[in-house]
Protein backbone atom coordinates (compact mmCIF):
# COMPACT_ATOMS: atom_id res chain seq x y z
CA UNK A 1 41.34 -117.57 167.39
CA UNK A 2 41.37 -118.65 163.72
CA UNK A 3 37.81 -119.99 163.73
CA UNK A 4 36.40 -116.85 165.32
CA UNK A 5 38.44 -114.74 162.93
CA UNK A 6 36.80 -116.50 160.00
CA UNK A 7 33.31 -116.05 161.50
CA UNK A 8 33.73 -112.35 162.21
CA UNK A 9 35.36 -111.66 158.85
CA UNK A 10 32.70 -113.59 156.93
CA UNK A 11 29.79 -111.89 158.68
CA UNK A 12 31.35 -108.49 159.28
CA UNK A 13 28.66 -106.48 157.49
CA UNK A 14 25.92 -108.30 159.41
CA UNK A 15 27.63 -108.02 162.80
CA UNK A 16 29.17 -104.55 162.59
CA UNK A 17 26.14 -102.81 164.15
CA UNK A 18 26.06 -105.30 167.00
CA UNK A 19 29.79 -104.83 167.59
CA UNK A 20 29.17 -101.08 167.77
CA UNK A 21 26.45 -101.64 170.41
CA UNK A 22 28.65 -103.98 172.46
CA UNK A 23 31.74 -101.76 172.43
CA UNK A 24 30.47 -98.20 172.25
CA UNK A 25 33.90 -96.63 172.70
CA UNK A 26 34.92 -97.72 169.21
CA UNK A 27 35.01 -94.87 166.72
CA UNK A 28 34.02 -94.72 163.06
CA UNK A 29 37.73 -94.72 162.23
CA UNK A 30 38.12 -97.91 164.27
CA UNK A 31 35.38 -99.57 162.22
CA UNK A 32 36.97 -98.46 158.97
CA UNK A 33 40.25 -100.01 160.11
CA UNK A 34 38.75 -103.24 161.41
CA UNK A 35 37.19 -104.79 158.32
CA UNK A 36 36.10 -107.78 160.42
CA UNK A 37 39.53 -108.92 161.58
CA UNK A 38 39.58 -110.20 165.15
CA UNK A 39 43.28 -109.44 165.63
CA UNK A 40 42.60 -105.78 164.88
CA UNK A 41 39.46 -105.76 167.04
CA UNK A 42 41.47 -107.25 169.89
CA UNK A 43 44.10 -104.53 169.56
CA UNK A 44 41.54 -101.75 169.48
CA UNK A 45 39.70 -103.17 172.52
CA UNK A 46 43.04 -103.18 174.33
CA UNK A 47 43.54 -99.51 173.48
CA UNK A 48 40.01 -98.25 174.14
CA UNK A 49 39.15 -100.36 177.19
CA UNK A 50 42.57 -101.04 178.71
CA UNK A 51 42.16 -104.82 178.34
CA UNK A 52 45.17 -107.09 178.12
CA UNK A 53 45.31 -109.37 175.07
CA UNK A 54 43.81 -112.38 176.88
CA UNK A 55 40.88 -110.30 178.17
CA UNK A 56 40.22 -108.76 174.75
CA UNK A 57 40.31 -112.17 173.06
CA UNK A 58 38.00 -113.64 175.70
CA UNK A 59 35.54 -110.75 175.25
CA UNK A 60 35.49 -111.30 171.49
CA UNK A 61 35.06 -115.07 171.82
CA UNK A 62 32.27 -114.70 174.37
CA UNK A 63 30.49 -112.13 172.23
CA UNK A 64 30.82 -114.23 169.08
CA UNK A 65 29.48 -117.34 170.81
CA UNK A 66 26.29 -115.40 171.58
CA UNK A 67 25.89 -113.80 168.15
CA UNK A 68 26.84 -116.46 165.64
């Protein structure tokens, strides 16, 4: 997930609002913690949505392929 990590990190300020729309259960504290890192986003999606790691990573990759 290195390539997607670079994309999300590089465009975090542009994509943050869209991430918030996609995953509405994320809190303001979650967004403060994230800073555009896919590993952290994956972990938070696992917590908030009950995804396993593979599902969270797939969700992120699918979302990024549509928005970048």
